[in-house]
């Protein structure tokens, strides 16, 4: 199965339809259901989310062969740590119980 890249002008709902496992990932960024037909760019702008970082994370989860370690190193460490803390909380509070 070929994985299509997820890009900024794509509707977030289309990305979720492409891979429903992205839904918990969007929640870690504070994006809950109710985004309608908004594009990923629109949602990121509304939520003040770095769109490039968000796309790197989505594409990493969408395609297990994709991991942009060089690009991820270019983001501020506080951004990466914040995401990791939210991910940790998701597993501790939601997945494990």
PDB file of N, CA and C in Angstrom:
ATOM      1  N   UNK A   1       0.836  -1.178   0.000  1.00  0.00           N
ATOM      2  CA  UNK A   1       0.000   0.000   0.000  1.00  0.00           C
ATOM      3  C   UNK A   1       0.883   1.244   0.000  1.00  0.00           C
ATOM      4  N   UNK A   2       0.667   2.103  -0.952  1.00  0.00           N
ATOM      5  CA  UNK A   2       1.454   3.324  -1.053  1.00  0.00           C
ATOM      6  C   UNK A   2       0.861   4.399  -0.146  1.00  0.00           C
ATOM      7  N   UNK A   3       1.713   5.076   0.599  1.00  0.00           N
ATOM      8  CA  UNK A   3       1.271   6.136   1.500  1.00  0.00           C
ATOM      9  C   UNK A   3       1.427   7.470   0.799  1.00  0.00           C
ATOM     10  N   UNK A   4       0.341   8.197   0.726  1.00  0.00           N
ATOM     11  CA  UNK A   4       0.389   9.524   0.135  1.00  0.00           C
ATOM     12  C   UNK A   4       0.895  10.512   1.161  1.00  0.00           C
ATOM     13  N   UNK A   5       1.680  11.481   0.744  1.00  0.00           N
ATOM     14  CA  UNK A   5       2.140  12.485   1.716  1.00  0.00           C
ATOM     15  C   UNK A   5       0.981  13.379   2.162  1.00  0.00           C
ATOM     16  N   UNK A   6       1.095  13.827   3.363  1.00  0.00           N
ATOM     17  CA  UNK A   6       0.115  14.753   3.912  1.00  0.00           C
ATOM     18  C   UNK A   6       0.715  16.148   3.774  1.00  0.00           C
ATOM     19  N   UNK A   7      -0.060  17.084   3.256  1.00  0.00           N
ATOM     20  CA  UNK A   7       0.463  18.411   2.945  1.00  0.00           C
ATOM     21  C   UNK A   7      -0.473  19.496   3.466  1.00  0.00           C
ATOM     22  N   UNK A   8       0.021  20.701   3.529  1.00  0.00           N
ATOM     23  CA  UNK A   8      -0.667  21.821   4.189  1.00  0.00           C
ATOM     24  C   UNK A   8      -2.019  22.159   3.586  1.00  0.00           C
ATOM     25  N   UNK A   9      -2.166  22.074   2.277  1.00  0.00           N
ATOM     26  CA  UNK A   9      -3.430  22.470   1.650  1.00  0.00           C
ATOM     27  C   UNK A   9      -4.465  21.348   1.652  1.00  0.00           C
ATOM     28  N   UNK A  10      -4.101  20.194   2.203  1.00  0.00           N
ATOM     29  CA  UNK A  10      -5.034  19.071   2.317  1.00  0.00           C
ATOM     30  C   UNK A  10      -6.010  19.363   3.449  1.00  0.00           C
ATOM     31  N   UNK A  11      -7.267  18.961   3.276  1.00  0.00           N
ATOM     32  CA  UNK A  11      -8.226  19.087   4.367  1.00  0.00           C
ATOM     33  C   UNK A  11      -7.801  18.120   5.471  1.00  0.00           C
ATOM     34  N   UNK A  12      -7.857  18.594   6.701  1.00  0.00           N
ATOM     35  CA  UNK A  12      -7.474  17.745   7.822  1.00  0.00           C
ATOM     36  C   UNK A  12      -8.368  16.508   7.883  1.00  0.00           C
ATOM     37  N   UNK A  13      -9.643  16.673   7.554  1.00  0.00           N
ATOM     38  CA  UNK A  13     -10.558  15.526   7.543  1.00  0.00           C
ATOM     39  C   UNK A  13     -10.105  14.482   6.525  1.00  0.00           C
ATOM     40  N   UNK A  14      -9.575  14.910   5.381  1.00  0.00           N
ATOM     41  CA  UNK A  14      -9.080  13.967   4.372  1.00  0.00           C
ATOM     42  C   UNK A  14      -7.864  13.206   4.890  1.00  0.00           C
ATOM     43  N   UNK A  15      -7.006  13.891   5.629  1.00  0.00           N
ATOM     44  CA  UNK A  15      -5.839  13.217   6.206  1.00  0.00           C
ATOM     45  C   UNK A  15      -6.291  12.166   7.215  1.00  0.00           C
ATOM     46  N   UNK A  16      -7.293  12.490   8.013  1.00  0.00           N
ATOM     47  CA  UNK A  16      -7.813  11.542   8.997  1.00  0.00           C
ATOM     48  C   UNK A  16      -8.483  10.365   8.289  1.00  0.00           C
ATOM     49  N   UNK A  17      -9.205  10.633   7.207  1.00  0.00           N
ATOM     50  CA  UNK A  17      -9.813   9.547   6.430  1.00  0.00           C
ATOM     51  C   UNK A  17      -8.751   8.663   5.798  1.00  0.00           C
ATOM     52  N   UNK A  18      -7.649   9.261   5.431  1.00  0.00           N
ATOM     53  CA  UNK A  18      -6.542   8.517   4.842  1.00  0.00           C
ATOM     54  C   UNK A  18      -5.933   7.564   5.871  1.00  0.00           C
ATOM     55  N   UNK A  19      -5.864   8.018   7.124  1.00  0.00           N
ATOM     56  CA  UNK A  19      -5.281   7.201   8.179  1.00  0.00           C
ATOM     57  C   UNK A  19      -5.902   7.622   9.512  1.00  0.00           C
ATOM     58  N   UNK A  20      -6.888   6.854   9.969  1.00  0.00           N
ATOM     59  CA  UNK A  20      -7.597   7.209  11.201  1.00  0.00           C
ATOM     60  C   UNK A  20      -6.696   7.210  12.436  1.00  0.00           C
ATOM     61  N   UNK A  21      -5.524   6.561  12.352  1.00  0.00           N
ATOM     62  CA  UNK A  21      -4.600   6.548  13.488  1.00  0.00           C
ATOM     63  C   UNK A  21      -3.966   7.914  13.739  1.00  0.00           C
ATOM     64  N   UNK A  22      -4.198   8.862  12.845  1.00  0.00           N
ATOM     65  CA  UNK A  22      -3.690  10.227  13.035  1.00  0.00           C
ATOM     66  C   UNK A  22      -4.548  11.023  14.015  1.00  0.00           C
ATOM     67  N   UNK A  23      -5.757  10.551  14.280  1.00  0.00           N
ATOM     68  CA  UNK A  23      -6.658  11.296  15.161  1.00  0.00           C
ATOM     69  C   UNK A  23      -6.078  11.522  16.556  1.00  0.00           C
ATOM     70  N   UNK A  24      -5.508  10.504  17.226  1.00  0.00           N
ATOM     71  CA  UNK A  24      -4.895  10.780  18.533  1.00  0.00           C
ATOM     72  C   UNK A  24      -3.699  11.732  18.433  1.00  0.00           C
ATOM     73  N   UNK A  25      -3.011  11.695  17.316  1.00  0.00           N
ATOM     74  CA  UNK A  25      -1.855  12.591  17.128  1.00  0.00           C
ATOM     75  C   UNK A  25      -2.330  14.036  17.067  1.00  0.00           C
ATOM     76  N   UNK A  26      -3.422  14.283  16.358  1.00  0.00           N
ATOM     77  CA  UNK A  26      -3.932  15.653  16.281  1.00  0.00           C
ATOM     78  C   UNK A  26      -4.370  16.145  17.659  1.00  0.00           C
ATOM     79  N   UNK A  27      -4.901  15.229  18.479  1.00  0.00           N
ATOM     80  CA  UNK A  27      -5.302  15.600  19.834  1.00  0.00           C
ATOM     81  C   UNK A  27      -4.138  16.055  20.687  1.00  0.00           C
ATOM     82  N   UNK A  28      -2.967  15.509  20.428  1.00  0.00           N
ATOM     83  CA  UNK A  28      -1.777  15.910  21.193  1.00  0.00           C
ATOM     84  C   UNK A  28      -1.376  17.345  20.896  1.00  0.00           C
ATOM     85  N   UNK A  29      -1.876  17.869  19.787  1.00  0.00           N
ATOM     86  CA  UNK A  29      -1.613  19.261  19.425  1.00  0.00           C
ATOM     87  C   UNK A  29      -2.771  20.166  19.848  1.00  0.00           C
ATOM     88  N   UNK A  30      -3.743  19.592  20.551  1.00  0.00           N
ATOM     89  CA  UNK A  30      -4.895  20.372  20.986  1.00  0.00           C
ATOM     90  C   UNK A  30      -5.958  20.517  19.923  1.00  0.00           C
ATOM     91  N   UNK A  31      -5.906  19.699  18.886  1.00  0.00           N
ATOM     92  CA  UNK A  31      -6.893  19.745  17.813  1.00  0.00           C
ATOM     93  C   UNK A  31      -7.908  18.639  18.073  1.00  0.00           C
ATOM     94  N   UNK A  32      -9.129  19.040  18.347  1.00  0.00           N
ATOM     95  CA  UNK A  32     -10.207  18.084  18.604  1.00  0.00           C
ATOM     96  C   UNK A  32     -11.128  18.035  17.386  1.00  0.00           C
ATOM     97  N   UNK A  33     -12.001  17.046  17.357  1.00  0.00           N
ATOM     98  CA  UNK A  33     -12.967  16.940  16.270  1.00  0.00           C
ATOM     99  C   UNK A  33     -13.791  18.214  16.183  1.00  0.00           C
ATOM    100  N   UNK A  34     -14.214  18.533  14.964  1.00  0.00           N
ATOM    101  CA  UNK A  34     -14.994  19.741  14.739  1.00  0.00           C
ATOM    102  C   UNK A  34     -14.283  20.710  13.814  1.00  0.00           C
ATOM    103  N   UNK A  35     -13.246  20.237  13.122  1.00  0.00           N
ATOM    104  CA  UNK A  35     -12.500  21.116  12.213  1.00  0.00           C
ATOM    105  C   UNK A  35     -13.152  21.197  10.840  1.00  0.00           C
ATOM    106  N   UNK A  36     -14.185  20.407  10.584  1.00  0.00           N
ATOM    107  CA  UNK A  36     -14.958  20.493   9.339  1.00  0.00           C
ATOM    108  C   UNK A  36     -14.118  20.313   8.091  1.00  0.00           C
ATOM    109  N   UNK A  37     -14.282  21.231   7.167  1.00  0.00           N
ATOM    110  CA  UNK A  37     -13.576  21.173   5.885  1.00  0.00           C
ATOM    111  C   UNK A  37     -12.338  22.058   5.850  1.00  0.00           C
ATOM    112  N   UNK A  38     -11.828  22.423   6.994  1.00  0.00           N
ATOM    113  CA  UNK A  38     -10.652  23.297   7.048  1.00  0.00           C
ATOM    114  C   UNK A  38      -9.418  22.531   6.605  1.00  0.00           C
ATOM    115  N   UNK A  39      -8.516  23.259   5.968  1.00  0.00           N
ATOM    116  CA  UNK A  39      -7.247  22.651   5.579  1.00  0.00           C
ATOM    117  C   UNK A  39      -6.344  22.540   6.802  1.00  0.00           C
ATOM    118  N   UNK A  40      -5.312  21.754   6.656  1.00  0.00           N
ATOM    119  CA  UNK A  40      -4.336  21.619   7.737  1.00  0.00           C
ATOM    120  C   UNK A  40      -3.726  22.980   8.048  1.00  0.00           C
ATOM    121  N   UNK A  41      -3.450  23.738   7.021  1.00  0.00           N
ATOM    122  CA  UNK A  41      -2.875  25.077   7.213  1.00  0.00           C
ATOM    123  C   UNK A  41      -3.829  25.962   8.018  1.00  0.00           C
ATOM    124  N   UNK A  42      -5.117  25.933   7.679  1.00  0.00           N
ATOM    125  CA  UNK A  42      -6.103  26.748   8.394  1.00  0.00           C
ATOM    126  C   UNK A  42      -6.185  26.367   9.870  1.00  0.00           C
ATOM    127  N   UNK A  43      -6.220  25.062  10.136  1.00  0.00           N
ATOM    128  CA  UNK A  43      -6.320  24.592  11.517  1.00  0.00           C
ATOM    129  C   UNK A  43      -5.076  24.983  12.307  1.00  0.00           C
ATOM    130  N   UNK A  44      -3.910  24.809  11.691  1.00  0.00           N
ATOM    131  CA  UNK A  44      -2.667  25.175  12.375  1.00  0.00           C
ATOM    132  C   UNK A  44      -2.602  26.665  12.659  1.00  0.00           C
ATOM    133  N   UNK A  45      -3.051  27.472  11.714  1.00  0.00           N
ATOM    134  CA  UNK A  45      -3.065  28.923  11.938  1.00  0.00           C
ATOM    135  C   UNK A  45      -4.008  29.292  13.083  1.00  0.00           C
ATOM    136  N   UNK A  46      -5.190  28.673  13.131  1.00  0.00           N
ATOM    137  CA  UNK A  46      -6.150  28.954  14.200  1.00  0.00           C
ATOM    138  C   UNK A  46      -5.624  28.545  15.568  1.00  0.00           C
ATOM    139  N   UNK A  47      -4.913  27.426  15.628  1.00  0.00           N
ATOM    140  CA  UNK A  47      -4.431  26.882  16.896  1.00  0.00           C
ATOM    141  C   UNK A  47      -3.012  27.335  17.234  1.00  0.00           C
ATOM    142  N   UNK A  48      -2.428  28.165  16.367  1.00  0.00           N
ATOM    143  CA  UNK A  48      -1.061  28.653  16.562  1.00  0.00           C
ATOM    144  C   UNK A  48      -0.067  27.492  16.689  1.00  0.00           C
ATOM    145  N   UNK A  49      -0.168  26.558  15.735  1.00  0.00           N
ATOM    146  CA  UNK A  49       0.702  25.385  15.681  1.00  0.00           C
ATOM    147  C   UNK A  49       1.672  25.571  14.524  1.00  0.00           C
ATOM    148  N   UNK A  50       2.926  25.261  14.755  1.00  0.00           N
ATOM    149  CA  UNK A  50       3.923  25.309  13.693  1.00  0.00           C
ATOM    150  C   UNK A  50       3.553  24.263  12.648  1.00  0.00           C
ATOM    151  N   UNK A  51       3.154  24.724  11.483  1.00  0.00           N
ATOM    152  CA  UNK A  51       2.634  23.812  10.462  1.00  0.00           C
ATOM    153  C   UNK A  51       3.684  22.823   9.959  1.00  0.00           C
ATOM    154  N   UNK A  52       4.917  23.267   9.837  1.00  0.00           N
ATOM    155  CA  UNK A  52       5.968  22.368   9.340  1.00  0.00           C
ATOM    156  C   UNK A  52       6.218  21.226  10.324  1.00  0.00           C
ATOM    157  N   UNK A  53       6.273  21.547  11.605  1.00  0.00           N
ATOM    158  CA  UNK A  53       6.461  20.521  12.631  1.00  0.00           C
ATOM    159  C   UNK A  53       5.269  19.565  12.644  1.00  0.00           C
ATOM    160  N   UNK A  54       4.068  20.112  12.582  1.00  0.00           N
ATOM    161  CA  UNK A  54       2.850  19.306  12.565  1.00  0.00           C
ATOM    162  C   UNK A  54       2.848  18.336  11.385  1.00  0.00           C
ATOM    163  N   UNK A  55       3.231  18.819  10.208  1.00  0.00           N
ATOM    164  CA  UNK A  55       3.273  17.957   9.022  1.00  0.00           C
ATOM    165  C   UNK A  55       4.338  16.878   9.149  1.00  0.00           C
ATOM    166  N   UNK A  56       5.471  17.215   9.744  1.00  0.00           N
ATOM    167  CA  UNK A  56       6.517  16.201   9.953  1.00  0.00           C
ATOM    168  C   UNK A  56       6.007  15.079  10.850  1.00  0.00           C
ATOM    169  N   UNK A  57       5.314  15.456  11.915  1.00  0.00           N
ATOM    170  CA  UNK A  57       4.789  14.460  12.846  1.00  0.00           C
ATOM    171  C   UNK A  57       3.705  13.625  12.163  1.00  0.00           C
ATOM    172  N   UNK A  58       2.758  14.268  11.482  1.00  0.00           N
ATOM    173  CA  UNK A  58       1.701  13.520  10.799  1.00  0.00           C
ATOM    174  C   UNK A  58       2.275  12.550   9.772  1.00  0.00           C
ATOM    175  N   UNK A  59       3.198  13.031   8.958  1.00  0.00           N
ATOM    176  CA  UNK A  59       3.778  12.160   7.928  1.00  0.00           C
ATOM    177  C   UNK A  59       4.587  11.024   8.539  1.00  0.00           C
ATOM    178  N   UNK A  60       5.215  11.264   9.679  1.00  0.00           N
ATOM    179  CA  UNK A  60       5.958  10.199  10.364  1.00  0.00           C
ATOM    180  C   UNK A  60       5.019   9.103  10.856  1.00  0.00           C
ATOM    181  N   UNK A  61       3.854   9.490  11.366  1.00  0.00           N
ATOM    182  CA  UNK A  61       2.882   8.499  11.829  1.00  0.00           C
ATOM    183  C   UNK A  61       2.159   7.833  10.668  1.00  0.00           C
ATOM    184  N   UNK A  62       1.947   8.582   9.607  1.00  0.00           N
ATOM    185  CA  UNK A  62       1.216   8.053   8.450  1.00  0.00           C
ATOM    186  C   UNK A  62       2.031   7.016   7.682  1.00  0.00           C
ATOM    187  N   UNK A  63       3.308   7.257   7.563  1.00  0.00           N
ATOM    188  CA  UNK A  63       4.175   6.378   6.774  1.00  0.00           C
ATOM    189  C   UNK A  63       5.356   5.967   7.641  1.00  0.00           C
ATOM    190  N   UNK A  64       5.388   4.713   8.022  1.00  0.00           N
ATOM    191  CA  UNK A  64       6.443   4.234   8.927  1.00  0.00           C
ATOM    192  C   UNK A  64       7.832   4.306   8.300  1.00  0.00           C
ATOM    193  N   UNK A  65       7.912   4.406   6.978  1.00  0.00           N
ATOM    194  CA  UNK A  65       9.206   4.534   6.312  1.00  0.00           C
ATOM    195  C   UNK A  65       9.711   5.971   6.281  1.00  0.00           C
ATOM    196  N   UNK A  66       8.847   6.904   6.651  1.00  0.00           N
ATOM    197  CA  UNK A  66       9.204   8.326   6.622  1.00  0.00           C
ATOM    198  C   UNK A  66       9.607   8.771   8.016  1.00  0.00           C
ATOM    199  N   UNK A  67      10.804   9.225   8.145  1.00  0.00           N
ATOM    200  CA  UNK A  67      11.228   9.848   9.398  1.00  0.00           C
ATOM    201  C   UNK A  67      12.262  10.902   9.047  1.00  0.00           C
ATOM    202  N   UNK A  68      11.886  12.135   9.212  1.00  0.00           N
ATOM    203  CA  UNK A  68      12.723  13.256   8.811  1.00  0.00           C
ATOM    204  C   UNK A  68      13.560  13.746   9.979  1.00  0.00           C
ATOM    205  N   UNK A  69      14.541  12.963  10.377  1.00  0.00           N
ATOM    206  CA  UNK A  69      15.337  13.333  11.547  1.00  0.00           C
ATOM    207  C   UNK A  69      16.085  14.646  11.331  1.00  0.00           C
ATOM    208  N   UNK A  70      16.562  14.885  10.118  1.00  0.00           N
ATOM    209  CA  UNK A  70      17.264  16.144   9.846  1.00  0.00           C
ATOM    210  C   UNK A  70      16.339  17.339  10.024  1.00  0.00           C
ATOM    211  N   UNK A  71      15.107  17.228   9.511  1.00  0.00           N
ATOM    212  CA  UNK A  71      14.157  18.324   9.652  1.00  0.00           C
ATOM    213  C   UNK A  71      13.759  18.510  11.108  1.00  0.00           C
ATOM    214  N   UNK A  72      13.562  17.413  11.829  1.00  0.00           N
ATOM    215  CA  UNK A  72      13.155  17.527  13.223  1.00  0.00           C
ATOM    216  C   UNK A  72      14.223  18.204  14.082  1.00  0.00           C
ATOM    217  N   UNK A  73      15.467  18.064  13.708  1.00  0.00           N
ATOM    218  CA  UNK A  73      16.545  18.706  14.452  1.00  0.00           C
ATOM    219  C   UNK A  73      16.540  20.217  14.286  1.00  0.00           C
ATOM    220  N   UNK A  74      15.831  20.706  13.279  1.00  0.00           N
ATOM    221  CA  UNK A  74      15.812  22.148  13.023  1.00  0.00           C
ATOM    222  C   UNK A  74      14.777  22.890  13.875  1.00  0.00           C
ATOM    223  N   UNK A  75      13.902  22.180  14.567  1.00  0.00           N
ATOM    224  CA  UNK A  75      12.888  22.824  15.391  1.00  0.00           C
ATOM    225  C   UNK A  75      13.433  23.099  16.784  1.00  0.00           C
ATOM    226  N   UNK A  76      12.889  24.123  17.431  1.00  0.00           N
ATOM    227  CA  UNK A  76      13.340  24.418  18.794  1.00  0.00           C
ATOM    228  C   UNK A  76      13.087  23.222  19.710  1.00  0.00           C
ATOM    229  N   UNK A  77      14.027  22.985  20.593  1.00  0.00           N
ATOM    230  CA  UNK A  77      13.900  21.835  21.488  1.00  0.00           C
ATOM    231  C   UNK A  77      12.649  21.940  22.355  1.00  0.00           C
ATOM    232  N   UNK A  78      12.233  23.150  22.697  1.00  0.00           N
ATOM    233  CA  UNK A  78      11.036  23.313  23.518  1.00  0.00           C
ATOM    234  C   UNK A  78       9.793  22.810  22.784  1.00  0.00           C
ATOM    235  N   UNK A  79       9.749  22.968  21.469  1.00  0.00           N
ATOM    236  CA  UNK A  79       8.625  22.495  20.668  1.00  0.00           C
ATOM    237  C   UNK A  79       8.577  20.972  20.673  1.00  0.00           C
ATOM    238  N   UNK A  80       9.726  20.355  20.501  1.00  0.00           N
ATOM    239  CA  UNK A  80       9.813  18.897  20.485  1.00  0.00           C
ATOM    240  C   UNK A  80       9.487  18.334  21.867  1.00  0.00           C
ATOM    241  N   UNK A  81      10.029  18.950  22.908  1.00  0.00           N
ATOM    242  CA  UNK A  81       9.781  18.480  24.270  1.00  0.00           C
ATOM    243  C   UNK A  81       8.298  18.624  24.614  1.00  0.00           C
ATOM    244  N   UNK A  82       7.674  19.732  24.239  1.00  0.00           N
ATOM    245  CA  UNK A  82       6.254  19.927  24.496  1.00  0.00           C
ATOM    246  C   UNK A  82       5.438  18.813  23.848  1.00  0.00           C
ATOM    247  N   UNK A  83       5.774  18.472  22.610  1.00  0.00           N
ATOM    248  CA  UNK A  83       5.077  17.383  21.932  1.00  0.00           C
ATOM    249  C   UNK A  83       5.311  16.057  22.658  1.00  0.00           C
ATOM    250  N   UNK A  84       6.530  15.798  23.075  1.00  0.00           N
ATOM    251  CA  UNK A  84       6.838  14.550  23.776  1.00  0.00           C
ATOM    252  C   UNK A  84       6.109  14.461  25.115  1.00  0.00           C
ATOM    253  N   UNK A  85       5.993  15.573  25.823  1.00  0.00           N
ATOM    254  CA  UNK A  85       5.260  15.594  27.097  1.00  0.00           C
ATOM    255  C   UNK A  85       3.782  15.282  26.853  1.00  0.00           C
ATOM    256  N   UNK A  86       3.203  15.881  25.816  1.00  0.00           N
ATOM    257  CA  UNK A  86       1.804  15.603  25.492  1.00  0.00           C
ATOM    258  C   UNK A  86       1.615  14.143  25.085  1.00  0.00           C
ATOM    259  N   UNK A  87       2.575  13.599  24.366  1.00  0.00           N
ATOM    260  CA  UNK A  87       2.506  12.194  23.964  1.00  0.00           C
ATOM    261  C   UNK A  87       2.593  11.294  25.190  1.00  0.00           C
ATOM    262  N   UNK A  88       3.500  11.611  26.098  1.00  0.00           N
ATOM    263  CA  UNK A  88       3.646  10.845  27.325  1.00  0.00           C
ATOM    264  C   UNK A  88       2.333  10.877  28.124  1.00  0.00           C
ATOM    265  N   UNK A  89       1.750  12.043  28.246  1.00  0.00           N
ATOM    266  CA  UNK A  89       0.481  12.180  28.965  1.00  0.00           C
ATOM    267  C   UNK A  89      -0.617  11.356  28.302  1.00  0.00           C
ATOM    268  N   UNK A  90      -0.643  11.334  26.982  1.00  0.00           N
ATOM    269  CA  UNK A  90      -1.636  10.546  26.252  1.00  0.00           C
ATOM    270  C   UNK A  90      -1.518   9.069  26.617  1.00  0.00           C
ATOM    271  N   UNK A  91      -0.311   8.561  26.629  1.00  0.00           N
ATOM    272  CA  UNK A  91      -0.123   7.145  26.954  1.00  0.00           C
ATOM    273  C   UNK A  91      -0.441   6.860  28.426  1.00  0.00           C
ATOM    274  N   UNK A  92      -0.010   7.717  29.330  1.00  0.00           N
ATOM    275  CA  UNK A  92      -0.246   7.510  30.756  1.00  0.00           C
ATOM    276  C   UNK A  92      -1.731   7.644  31.108  1.00  0.00           C
ATOM    277  N   UNK A  93      -2.388   8.658  30.534  1.00  0.00           N
ATOM    278  CA  UNK A  93      -3.780   8.959  30.909  1.00  0.00           C
ATOM    279  C   UNK A  93      -4.826   8.224  30.071  1.00  0.00           C
ATOM    280  N   UNK A  94      -4.487   7.852  28.842  1.00  0.00           N
ATOM    281  CA  UNK A  94      -5.495   7.279  27.944  1.00  0.00           C
ATOM    282  C   UNK A  94      -5.195   5.832  27.577  1.00  0.00           C
ATOM    283  N   UNK A  95      -4.046   5.560  27.063  1.00  0.00           N
ATOM    284  CA  UNK A  95      -3.745   4.229  26.537  1.00  0.00           C
ATOM    285  C   UNK A  95      -3.540   3.178  27.615  1.00  0.00           C
ATOM    286  N   UNK A  96      -2.792   3.483  28.642  1.00  0.00           N
ATOM    287  CA  UNK A  96      -2.453   2.485  29.662  1.00  0.00           C
ATOM    288  C   UNK A  96      -3.675   2.113  30.520  1.00  0.00           C
ATOM    289  N   UNK A  97      -4.464   3.079  31.007  1.00  0.00           N
ATOM    290  CA  UNK A  97      -5.626   2.684  31.830  1.00  0.00           C
ATOM    291  C   UNK A  97      -6.598   1.833  31.032  1.00  0.00           C
TER     292      UNK A  97
END
